[in-house]
Protein backbone atom coordinates (compact mmCIF):
# COMPACT_ATOMS: atom_id res chain seq x y z
CA MET A 1 -18.90 4.76 -32.86
CA PRO A 2 -19.78 2.04 -30.28
CA LYS A 3 -22.17 -0.60 -31.56
CA LYS A 4 -25.78 -0.37 -30.42
CA GLU A 5 -25.88 -3.81 -28.83
CA ALA A 6 -26.04 -4.32 -25.06
CA LEU A 7 -28.60 -1.61 -24.34
CA GLY A 8 -28.19 -2.12 -20.60
CA THR A 9 -24.63 -0.80 -20.70
CA LYS A 10 -23.51 2.82 -20.89
CA ILE A 11 -21.07 4.73 -23.06
CA TYR A 12 -18.46 6.71 -21.12
CA VAL A 13 -16.73 9.62 -22.87
CA LEU A 14 -13.44 10.46 -21.14
CA ASP A 15 -11.93 13.90 -20.77
CA THR A 16 -8.13 14.37 -20.90
CA ASN A 17 -7.78 15.13 -17.20
CA ILE A 18 -9.13 11.65 -16.34
CA LEU A 19 -6.28 9.95 -18.19
CA LEU A 20 -3.75 12.33 -16.65
CA HIS A 21 -5.12 11.63 -13.18
CA GLU A 22 -5.13 7.85 -13.74
CA PRO A 23 -3.47 6.72 -17.01
CA LEU A 24 -5.29 3.37 -17.07
CA ALA A 25 -8.69 4.84 -16.20
CA PHE A 26 -10.25 3.49 -19.41
CA LEU A 27 -9.99 -0.01 -17.89
CA SER A 28 -12.20 0.90 -14.91
CA PHE A 29 -15.67 0.84 -16.48
CA LYS A 30 -16.41 -2.91 -16.33
CA GLU A 31 -19.01 -3.97 -18.94
CA ASN A 32 -19.52 -0.44 -20.30
CA ASP A 33 -18.03 0.98 -23.49
CA VAL A 34 -15.40 3.74 -23.34
CA VAL A 35 -14.96 6.46 -25.96
CA VAL A 36 -11.87 8.65 -26.24
CA PRO A 37 -12.40 11.67 -28.54
CA MET A 38 -9.60 12.55 -30.98
CA THR A 39 -9.23 15.92 -29.18
CA VAL A 40 -8.20 14.04 -26.02
CA LEU A 41 -5.47 12.19 -27.96
CA GLU A 42 -4.24 15.53 -29.30
CA GLU A 43 -4.07 17.00 -25.80
CA LEU A 44 -2.22 13.92 -24.52
CA ASP A 45 0.22 14.24 -27.43
CA TYR A 46 0.91 17.87 -26.54
CA ILE A 47 1.35 17.13 -22.82
CA LYS A 48 3.58 14.04 -23.27
CA ASP A 49 6.39 16.20 -24.67
CA SER A 50 6.08 18.94 -22.05
CA LYS A 51 8.31 19.37 -19.02
CA LYS A 52 5.38 18.96 -16.65
CA ASP A 53 5.20 16.07 -14.20
CA VAL A 54 1.98 14.81 -15.82
CA ALA A 55 3.90 14.18 -19.07
CA ARG A 56 4.81 10.73 -17.76
CA ASP A 57 1.14 9.92 -17.08
CA ALA A 58 0.23 11.05 -20.60
CA ARG A 59 2.86 8.72 -22.10
CA VAL A 60 1.72 5.78 -19.95
CA SER A 61 -1.90 6.29 -21.06
CA ILE A 62 -0.97 6.58 -24.75
CA ARG A 63 1.14 3.41 -24.61
CA ALA A 64 -1.63 1.47 -22.84
CA MET A 65 -4.19 2.45 -25.47
CA GLU A 66 -1.73 1.68 -28.27
CA ASP A 67 -1.13 -1.82 -26.84
CA LEU A 68 -4.88 -2.49 -27.11
CA LEU A 69 -5.50 -0.84 -30.48
CA HIS A 70 -2.28 -1.50 -32.45
CA ASP A 71 -3.72 -4.44 -34.46
CA ALA A 72 -7.10 -2.82 -35.05
CA THR A 73 -8.17 -1.47 -38.44
CA PRO A 74 -9.37 2.15 -38.67
CA GLU A 75 -12.95 0.88 -38.85
CA GLN A 76 -12.49 -1.29 -35.73
CA MET A 77 -10.99 1.65 -33.80
CA VAL A 78 -14.09 3.69 -34.55
CA ASP A 79 -16.53 0.82 -33.82
CA GLY A 80 -14.74 -0.28 -30.67
CA VAL A 81 -12.11 -2.88 -29.72
CA SER A 82 -12.96 -5.28 -26.89
CA MET A 83 -11.03 -4.85 -23.63
CA LEU A 84 -11.83 -8.41 -22.52
CA GLY A 85 -8.83 -10.07 -20.88
CA LEU A 86 -7.03 -6.85 -19.89
CA GLY A 87 -7.84 -7.11 -16.19
CA ALA A 88 -8.55 -9.62 -13.45
CA GLY A 89 -11.31 -10.12 -10.91
CA ALA A 90 -14.80 -8.67 -10.72
CA THR A 91 -13.68 -5.23 -11.95
CA ALA A 92 -12.04 -6.53 -15.15
CA PRO A 93 -13.31 -4.63 -18.23
CA THR A 94 -15.53 -6.45 -20.73
CA GLY A 95 -16.66 -3.45 -22.78
CA SER A 96 -14.91 -1.86 -25.75
CA LEU A 97 -12.60 1.10 -26.31
CA SER A 98 -13.13 3.31 -29.36
CA ILE A 99 -11.72 6.53 -30.77
CA PHE A 100 -14.28 9.14 -31.78
CA VAL A 101 -13.22 11.37 -34.66
CA ASP A 102 -14.76 14.60 -33.42
CA HIS A 103 -13.09 16.64 -36.18
CA GLY A 104 -15.49 15.06 -38.67
CA LEU A 105 -18.66 16.30 -37.01
CA PRO A 106 -20.79 18.45 -39.35
CA VAL A 107 -21.04 22.09 -38.31
CA ASP A 108 -24.81 21.81 -37.86
CA LYS A 109 -24.19 19.16 -35.17
CA HIS A 110 -22.09 21.54 -33.06
CA VAL A 111 -23.79 22.96 -29.97
CA PHE A 112 -20.66 24.98 -29.24
CA THR A 113 -19.28 26.72 -32.32
CA SER A 114 -16.01 27.95 -30.79
CA ASN A 115 -13.12 25.56 -31.46
CA GLU A 116 -11.94 25.07 -27.87
CA ASN A 117 -10.93 21.58 -26.83
CA ASP A 118 -13.48 21.34 -24.02
CA ASN A 119 -16.28 22.38 -26.38
CA ARG A 120 -15.25 19.77 -28.96
CA ILE A 121 -15.32 17.02 -26.32
CA ILE A 122 -18.77 18.15 -25.13
CA ASN A 123 -19.98 18.25 -28.77
CA SER A 124 -18.76 14.64 -29.15
CA ALA A 125 -20.71 13.50 -26.08
CA LEU A 126 -23.87 15.31 -27.23
CA HIS A 127 -23.59 13.76 -30.71
CA LEU A 128 -23.19 10.26 -29.23
CA GLN A 129 -26.16 10.90 -26.93
CA ALA A 130 -28.32 11.64 -29.96
CA GLU A 131 -26.97 8.85 -32.18
CA CYS A 132 -26.80 6.02 -29.63
CA ALA A 133 -30.17 6.53 -27.90
CA PRO A 134 -31.66 4.86 -25.92
CA ARG A 135 -28.20 3.93 -24.52
CA GLN A 136 -27.02 6.38 -21.87
CA VAL A 137 -23.94 8.48 -22.66
CA VAL A 138 -21.89 9.78 -19.72
CA LEU A 139 -19.19 12.45 -19.93
CA VAL A 140 -16.51 11.84 -17.28
CA THR A 141 -14.36 14.85 -16.35
CA LYS A 142 -12.69 16.33 -13.29
CA ASP A 143 -13.25 19.85 -14.65
CA ILE A 144 -16.16 21.31 -12.65
CA ASN A 145 -16.78 24.11 -15.16
CA MET A 146 -16.84 21.62 -18.02
CA ARG A 147 -19.44 19.54 -16.15
CA LEU A 148 -21.62 22.64 -15.77
CA LYS A 149 -21.24 23.56 -19.46
CA ALA A 150 -22.08 20.03 -20.58
CA LYS A 151 -25.24 19.86 -18.48
CA GLY A 152 -26.27 23.31 -19.62
CA ALA A 153 -25.81 22.23 -23.24
CA GLY A 154 -28.19 19.30 -22.79
CA LEU A 155 -26.02 16.36 -21.78
CA ALA A 156 -28.08 14.24 -19.39
CA LEU A 157 -25.27 12.48 -17.53
CA VAL A 158 -22.02 14.13 -16.43
CA GLU A 159 -19.82 12.65 -13.70
CA ASP A 160 -16.57 13.08 -11.86
CA TYR A 161 -14.17 10.11 -11.91
CA ARG A 162 -14.66 8.39 -8.55
CA THR A 163 -13.24 4.91 -9.11
CA ASP A 164 -10.03 5.78 -7.25
CA GLN A 165 -11.74 7.68 -4.42
CA MET A 166 -11.46 5.90 -1.08
CA VAL A 167 -13.94 8.24 0.65
CA SER A 168 -16.87 10.22 -0.72
CA ASP A 169 -16.19 13.18 1.55
CA ILE A 170 -13.08 14.23 3.45
CA LYS A 171 -15.06 14.26 6.71
CA TYR A 172 -15.19 10.45 6.53
CA LEU A 173 -11.39 10.14 6.35
CA SER A 174 -9.87 8.10 9.17
CA LYS A 175 -8.44 10.25 11.98
CA GLY A 176 -6.28 7.48 13.40
CA TYR A 177 -7.98 7.56 16.79
CA HIS A 178 -11.40 7.07 18.36
CA LYS A 179 -12.62 9.35 21.13
CA PHE A 180 -15.27 7.98 23.50
CA ASN A 181 -17.77 10.59 24.67
CA ASP A 182 -17.96 8.97 28.09
CA GLU A 183 -15.23 7.60 30.35
CA PHE A 184 -13.64 4.54 28.69
CA TRP A 185 -14.40 2.18 31.58
CA ASN A 186 -18.07 3.19 31.56
CA VAL A 187 -18.30 2.07 27.92
CA VAL A 188 -16.33 -1.16 28.36
CA LYS A 189 -18.32 -3.57 30.51
CA SER A 190 -16.28 -6.74 29.99
CA VAL A 191 -12.46 -6.76 30.04
CA ASP A 192 -9.67 -9.24 30.58
CA SER A 193 -6.40 -7.52 31.56
CA ARG A 194 -2.91 -8.99 31.71
CA THR A 195 0.61 -7.69 32.32
CA GLU A 196 3.54 -8.34 30.00
CA GLY A 197 6.69 -6.85 31.53
CA ARG A 198 5.93 -3.16 32.03
CA ASP A 199 2.93 -3.21 29.68
CA THR A 200 -0.73 -3.74 30.56
CA ILE A 201 -2.90 -5.19 27.79
CA HIS A 202 -6.70 -5.18 27.92
CA THR A 203 -8.77 -7.66 25.91
CA ILE A 204 -12.18 -6.15 25.21
CA GLU A 205 -15.15 -7.20 23.09
CA ARG A 206 -15.06 -6.25 19.41
CA LYS A 207 -18.64 -4.91 19.58
CA VAL A 208 -17.36 -1.96 21.66
CA LEU A 209 -15.65 -0.71 18.49
CA PRO A 210 -16.63 -2.87 15.46
CA ASP A 211 -14.56 -0.86 12.94
CA ALA A 212 -11.34 -0.78 14.99
CA TYR A 213 -8.02 -1.43 13.25
CA VAL A 214 -4.44 -2.04 14.38
CA ASN A 215 -2.57 1.05 15.68
CA GLU A 216 -5.79 3.02 16.16
CA PHE A 217 -5.60 5.08 19.35
CA LEU A 218 -8.42 4.99 21.88
CA ILE A 219 -8.98 7.97 24.16
CA ASP A 220 -11.89 9.27 26.19
CA GLU A 221 -13.45 12.68 26.60
CA VAL A 222 -12.54 13.04 30.25
CA GLY A 223 -8.84 12.44 29.67
CA LYS A 224 -8.45 9.43 31.92
CA PHE A 225 -7.65 6.70 29.38
CA ALA A 226 -5.32 6.40 26.41
CA GLY A 227 -4.56 3.16 24.61
CA ILE A 228 -3.69 1.75 21.22
CA VAL A 229 -5.18 -1.26 19.42
CA GLU A 230 -2.51 -3.99 19.26
CA SER A 231 -4.48 -6.70 17.47
CA VAL A 232 -7.96 -7.36 16.13
CA ASN A 233 -9.81 -10.65 15.66
CA GLU A 234 -13.42 -11.61 15.00
CA HIS A 235 -14.63 -11.20 18.59
CA HIS A 236 -12.01 -9.26 20.55
CA LEU A 237 -9.60 -6.31 20.52
CA GLU A 238 -6.30 -6.24 22.36
CA VAL A 239 -5.59 -2.72 23.63
CA LEU A 240 -2.22 -1.62 25.02
CA ASP A 241 -2.79 0.76 27.94
CA LEU A 242 -0.54 3.78 27.29
CA GLY A 243 -1.66 5.84 30.27
CA TYR A 244 -3.00 9.33 29.53
CA GLU A 245 -0.48 11.16 31.70
CA ARG A 246 2.45 9.03 30.48
CA LEU A 247 1.44 9.70 26.88
CA MET A 248 1.28 13.45 27.51
CA GLY A 249 4.70 13.23 29.16
CA ARG A 250 6.49 11.91 26.06
CA ARG A 251 9.50 14.00 25.09
CA ALA A 252 11.64 14.28 21.98
CA TRP A 253 14.56 16.64 21.36
CA GLY A 254 13.42 18.92 24.17
CA ILE A 255 9.79 19.31 23.17
CA THR A 256 6.68 17.89 24.82
CA PRO A 257 3.19 17.59 23.31
CA LYS A 258 0.74 20.46 23.77
CA ASN A 259 -2.37 18.34 23.25
CA ILE A 260 -3.39 14.69 23.08
CA ALA A 261 -3.17 14.57 19.26
CA GLN A 262 0.47 15.67 19.41
CA ALA A 263 1.09 13.09 22.15
CA MET A 264 -0.32 10.30 19.99
CA SER A 265 1.75 11.53 17.05
CA LEU A 266 4.93 11.55 19.13
CA HIS A 267 4.24 8.02 20.35
CA SER A 268 3.87 6.76 16.75
CA LEU A 269 6.90 8.71 15.54
CA LEU A 270 9.14 7.26 18.27
CA ASP A 271 7.85 3.68 17.91
CA PRO A 272 10.49 1.64 16.00
CA HIS A 273 7.87 -0.95 15.01
CA ILE A 274 5.91 1.59 12.95
CA ASP A 275 7.44 2.10 9.49
CA LEU A 276 4.98 4.67 8.16
CA VAL A 277 3.52 7.60 10.11
CA ILE A 278 0.93 9.81 8.38
CA LEU A 279 0.27 13.20 9.95
CA THR A 280 -2.69 15.23 8.68
CA GLY A 281 -4.13 18.46 9.99
CA PRO A 282 -4.32 22.23 9.54
CA ALA A 283 -1.42 24.65 9.25
CA GLY A 284 0.17 25.29 12.62
CA SER A 285 -0.83 22.00 14.23
CA GLY A 286 2.81 20.94 14.70
CA LYS A 287 3.21 18.26 12.00
CA THR A 288 6.66 19.29 10.74
CA LEU A 289 8.04 20.24 14.16
CA LEU A 290 7.04 16.91 15.71
CA ALA A 291 8.40 14.93 12.75
CA LEU A 292 11.75 16.70 12.87
CA ALA A 293 12.07 16.51 16.68
CA ALA A 294 11.35 12.77 16.67
CA ALA A 295 13.74 12.21 13.77
CA LEU A 296 16.58 14.05 15.55
CA GLU A 297 15.87 12.12 18.76
CA MET A 298 16.10 8.78 16.97
CA VAL A 299 19.12 9.63 14.81
CA VAL A 300 21.32 11.69 17.16
CA GLU A 301 20.32 10.57 20.66
CA LYS A 302 19.37 6.93 20.11
CA ASN A 303 21.46 6.09 17.00
CA MET A 304 18.56 4.08 15.58
CA TYR A 305 18.95 5.46 12.06
CA ASP A 306 21.87 6.75 9.98
CA LYS A 307 20.42 9.89 8.41
CA ILE A 308 17.40 12.11 7.81
CA ILE A 309 16.21 12.68 4.24
CA VAL A 310 13.79 15.58 3.80
CA THR A 311 11.78 16.05 0.63
CA ARG A 312 8.57 17.71 -0.47
CA SER A 313 6.55 18.37 -3.58
CA THR A 314 5.65 21.68 -5.14
CA PRO A 315 4.45 22.18 -8.73
CA GLU A 316 7.78 23.86 -9.55
CA ILE A 317 9.89 21.07 -8.06
CA ALA A 318 7.80 18.42 -9.75
CA GLU A 319 8.63 19.94 -13.12
CA SER A 320 12.30 20.82 -12.66
CA ILE A 321 14.76 22.22 -10.15
CA GLY A 322 16.47 24.21 -12.91
CA PHE A 323 19.87 24.32 -14.57
CA LEU A 324 21.45 27.30 -12.82
CA PRO A 325 24.60 26.71 -10.73
CA GLY A 326 24.13 25.15 -7.31
CA THR A 327 23.84 21.72 -5.78
CA GLU A 328 20.55 19.86 -5.43
CA GLU A 329 20.47 20.69 -1.71
CA GLU A 330 21.11 24.41 -2.31
CA LYS A 331 18.27 24.58 -4.83
CA MET A 332 15.91 22.68 -2.55
CA ALA A 333 16.70 24.78 0.53
CA PRO A 334 14.17 27.61 -0.19
CA TRP A 335 11.36 25.06 -0.66
CA LEU A 336 12.29 23.30 2.55
CA ALA A 337 12.43 26.43 4.69
CA ALA A 338 9.71 24.87 6.89
CA ILE A 339 12.32 22.34 8.05
CA THR A 340 14.97 24.97 8.79
CA ASP A 341 12.32 27.07 10.56
CA SER A 342 11.44 24.09 12.75
CA LEU A 343 15.12 23.39 13.38
CA GLU A 344 15.53 27.00 14.50
CA VAL A 345 12.59 26.66 16.92
CA LEU A 346 14.11 23.51 18.42
CA HIS A 347 17.36 25.36 19.14
CA LYS A 348 16.09 28.87 19.86
CA HIS A 349 17.42 28.79 23.44
CA ASP A 350 20.97 27.86 22.40
CA GLU A 351 23.66 30.50 22.75
CA ASN A 352 24.58 30.27 19.07
CA VAL A 353 21.49 29.20 17.12
CA LYS A 354 23.18 29.16 13.68
CA GLY A 355 26.12 27.20 15.03
CA SER A 356 23.82 24.66 16.67
CA MET A 357 21.81 24.25 13.47
CA SER A 358 24.92 23.69 11.35
CA TYR A 359 26.29 21.19 13.86
CA ILE A 360 23.01 19.24 14.08
CA MET A 361 22.50 19.19 10.31
CA GLU A 362 25.94 17.62 9.97
CA LYS A 363 25.60 15.34 13.00
CA ALA A 364 22.16 14.03 11.96
CA ASN A 365 23.24 13.90 8.30
CA ILE A 366 20.15 15.86 7.19
CA GLN A 367 19.83 15.76 3.40
CA PHE A 368 17.42 17.81 1.29
CA LYS A 369 16.33 15.85 -1.80
CA SER A 370 14.05 16.52 -4.75
CA VAL A 371 11.11 14.17 -5.36
CA ASN A 372 12.34 14.03 -8.98
CA PHE A 373 15.47 12.13 -7.99
CA MET A 374 13.80 9.61 -5.66
CA ARG A 375 12.86 7.21 -8.46
CA GLY A 376 15.25 4.29 -8.74
CA ARG A 377 16.85 4.80 -5.33
CA SER A 378 16.88 2.35 -2.42
CA ILE A 379 17.02 4.17 0.91
CA GLN A 380 18.34 2.05 3.78
CA ASN A 381 18.23 2.71 7.55
CA ALA A 382 17.08 6.32 7.29
CA ILE A 383 14.18 8.52 8.31
CA VAL A 384 12.42 10.07 5.29
CA ILE A 385 10.28 13.14 6.01
CA LEU A 386 7.89 13.85 3.14
CA ASP A 387 6.40 17.29 3.74
CA GLU A 388 3.39 18.80 1.91
CA SER A 389 2.40 15.35 0.63
CA GLN A 390 -1.18 16.46 -0.09
CA ASN A 391 0.03 17.67 -3.50
CA LEU A 392 1.15 14.20 -4.62
CA THR A 393 -0.91 11.64 -6.51
CA ALA A 394 -1.24 8.05 -5.34
CA SER A 395 1.24 6.89 -8.02
CA GLN A 396 3.82 9.51 -6.97
CA LEU A 397 3.50 8.44 -3.33
CA LYS A 398 3.88 4.81 -4.38
CA THR A 399 7.14 5.74 -6.12
CA ILE A 400 8.49 7.24 -2.90
CA ILE A 401 7.21 4.52 -0.53
CA THR A 402 8.71 1.76 -2.67
CA ARG A 403 12.13 3.45 -2.36
CA CYS A 404 12.16 2.77 1.38
CA GLY A 405 14.41 -0.19 2.12
CA GLU A 406 15.18 -2.16 5.25
CA GLY A 407 15.14 -0.18 8.49
CA THR A 408 13.71 3.00 6.93
CA LYS A 409 10.89 4.99 8.52
CA LEU A 410 8.71 7.24 6.36
CA ILE A 411 6.86 10.24 7.80
CA CYS A 412 4.24 11.79 5.49
CA SER A 413 2.63 15.06 6.52
CA GLY A 414 0.17 17.29 4.78
CA ASN A 415 -2.83 19.60 5.01
CA LEU A 416 -5.69 18.53 2.74
CA ALA A 417 -7.13 22.07 2.87
CA GLN A 418 -4.07 23.42 1.03
CA ILE A 419 -3.82 21.55 -2.27
CA ASP A 420 -1.97 23.45 -5.02
CA SER A 421 -2.20 20.83 -7.79
CA ASN A 422 -4.60 21.50 -10.67
CA TYR A 423 -5.39 17.79 -10.95
CA LEU A 424 -6.14 16.93 -7.31
CA SER A 425 -8.85 17.58 -4.74
CA ALA A 426 -9.03 16.61 -1.07
CA VAL A 427 -10.74 13.29 -1.85
CA THR A 428 -8.43 12.35 -4.76
CA SER A 429 -5.15 13.43 -3.15
CA GLY A 430 -2.52 10.73 -2.75
CA LEU A 431 -2.44 11.55 0.97
CA THR A 432 -6.13 10.62 1.34
CA TYR A 433 -5.50 7.45 -0.65
CA LEU A 434 -2.56 6.61 1.60
CA VAL A 435 -4.52 7.11 4.84
CA GLU A 436 -7.31 4.74 3.76
CA LYS A 437 -5.13 2.13 2.03
CA PHE A 438 -2.69 1.78 4.95
CA LYS A 439 -5.36 1.95 7.65
CA ASN A 440 -5.25 -1.82 8.24
CA PHE A 441 -1.47 -2.19 7.88
CA SER A 442 0.14 -3.09 11.22
CA GLY A 443 3.30 -1.16 10.33
CA SER A 444 1.59 2.21 9.90
CA ALA A 445 -0.19 4.80 12.03
CA THR A 446 -2.27 7.85 11.12
CA ILE A 447 -2.92 10.86 13.32
CA ASN A 448 -5.10 13.84 12.52
CA LEU A 449 -3.81 16.85 14.50
CA ASP A 450 -6.89 19.01 14.80
CA GLY A 451 -5.60 21.78 17.08
CA VAL A 452 -3.62 24.82 15.91
CA VAL A 453 -0.80 25.51 18.38
CA ARG A 454 1.40 27.84 16.33
CA SER A 455 -0.13 31.01 17.76
CA ARG A 456 -3.49 32.46 18.71
CA LEU A 457 -3.37 34.45 15.47
CA ALA A 458 -2.89 31.27 13.38
CA GLU A 459 -5.62 29.50 15.36
CA PHE A 460 -8.10 32.32 14.82
CA ALA A 461 -7.25 32.47 11.09
CA GLU A 462 -7.74 28.70 10.72
CA GLU A 463 -11.16 28.89 12.36
CA GLN A 464 -12.51 32.11 10.87
CA LEU A 465 -11.01 32.55 7.41
């Protein structure tokens, strides 16, 4: 049990899902003490040998705790082992990590008598709250129902794990563009414009848009101005004038944008200087179709890249693609039907649609790959389309992004309203993390497509259901 010194610090009791979500989460509590109940270690032990994708995270967490505790005596493990020196900077931990033997709690100390794992963890937190008073004890879990049960049982402090959350609410997530309510030139009073070749660049005062970042689009309500932030310094912004009508006139593989969000997306997708394009938005907003059209344009028409690699994550794929006969691409094909559907739309006016699709898939060297087999690869001079990326964690996305070698462009698309993972929410999704972390990177662009263009039925369903 943590020592009763340092009354100003808290004791954080971690649930299993915290260590599965972020294996090194126990290092994130600065000067406070961290307690891991024995039940949590048992759950991690069970999960580490499973075929689930989180098995790796369980093993990483167990190894990290073992590295800290391997020289400790049983008494020291119960009292707490200092985490001093395990991190760097202002967030480095200075508290202790201890293991709480919840199996040894007397029956009369149990608030919950049923032997479920969640109940045993809550019992541990309640016991520590009583024994370590006046120090505050906080149960940290991502399980909403467990938080309700713990509060109902008398635990004063119960929290979600928010250390890794870049935004408190999804409504604050960057959209990738700023829309002025008035005409742009009515807002901008002072401007210095210059021409470089065919481009016009406006230098405006930073106070017009204090939070601007590179590759953020600027548009106005009346549809007369469209530009993109080229550079940012302390006092000024340099904005490339894209021209509203020119932007709406962009074309790729026979398709043109249906709204300004699609136009901005197409501009980013076709820009060779942007290595990462993140497309967010509801179902039917055109994310996959735009990504595929731009990829085909750049691979087949412009010969800028050698191939197109398409991958996505589903809970089933993350665990295994199975052992039955069939190649990796054949097994992935049903999960990547969204790509073949989009390919069919792009060639629906051809005389022989199936023939055109087969020819283009071979010509563009389109490959369907499983996320499982991306680790360890180095992908050169290709376009990688990562569909349904809202179901990936930040560490899984990092694995894929770090595979991208020289001359590779990565397109991530996803709908944060459709998360299938048990361990993720809209604010903890890897896609949200990616949007905020890469916001200030000059080689990336984010666009939120907020209009449903699939059909009036899909649009009505998105708004009303």
